Amino acid sequence: MKGALRRFVALLVLAGAIALGAQAAQAHPHVWITATSELIYAPDGSITGVRHAWTFDDMFSTYALQGIEARTKGVYSHEELAPLAQTNVESLKEYGFFTFAKAVGKKEKFQEPVDYYLEYRDSLLTLHFTLPLKVPVKSKELVLEVFDREFFIDFKYAEKDPVKLVGAPAACQISFQRPNDGSASARSSADSLSPAAIIPISA
């Protein structure tokens, strides 16, 4: 178990090393993630956070599971994966969880992740976690971006239901654009959507 956790941390440290050398050599992805996100609304129409589900590629999933013992071969429970899930979220903190939000151009900050766990299905690991906003956002428009600036990790949103609004007022809408540079972003607006919109959060 400890060996697998150390390997995961080492991989993220390697990501940082590649980031430092990105100016000298063009970075290319080493980990691929298929993502879905849910924007969470409070009853008053404010956005309180974002809930992510990140499915890792098969090679990384196999690598991360090395050394983790399971009661049933090929089957991993949430409990058995809990230490690895904790290591994941703690290691991702250094990178801001690759999640960036702006409300009307103003950067918004997130709290520590909650409700995190790993799920193993169809030979792939999926990390689920929620990032609460430090201050709930209630504005006409909020832009959410999920990406790795150095492109060590290639984020791609799922083809089906990539982003959902949970508990949003009826007037809220969503506009989603898939960038070509390994980034993913979204915007929501209660009134109208800008033609340049990339993803949604608002009320």
Foldseek 3Di string as FASTA:
>chain_A
DVVLLVVVLVVLVVVVVVLVCCVVDADAAPKEWAKAKEFEADLVQWTFWMKMKIKIDLVVLVSSCPPQDDPDPPADDQVSCVVVQVSVQVSCVVVLVQKWKDAVNHTWHWDRKPPWTWHADPSIIMIIIITTTPDTGAHQKMKMKGFDPRNRYQYHYDPPNRYYYHSHPPQKDWDADTDPPSMGMIMIGSHDDDPPTHTHGHD
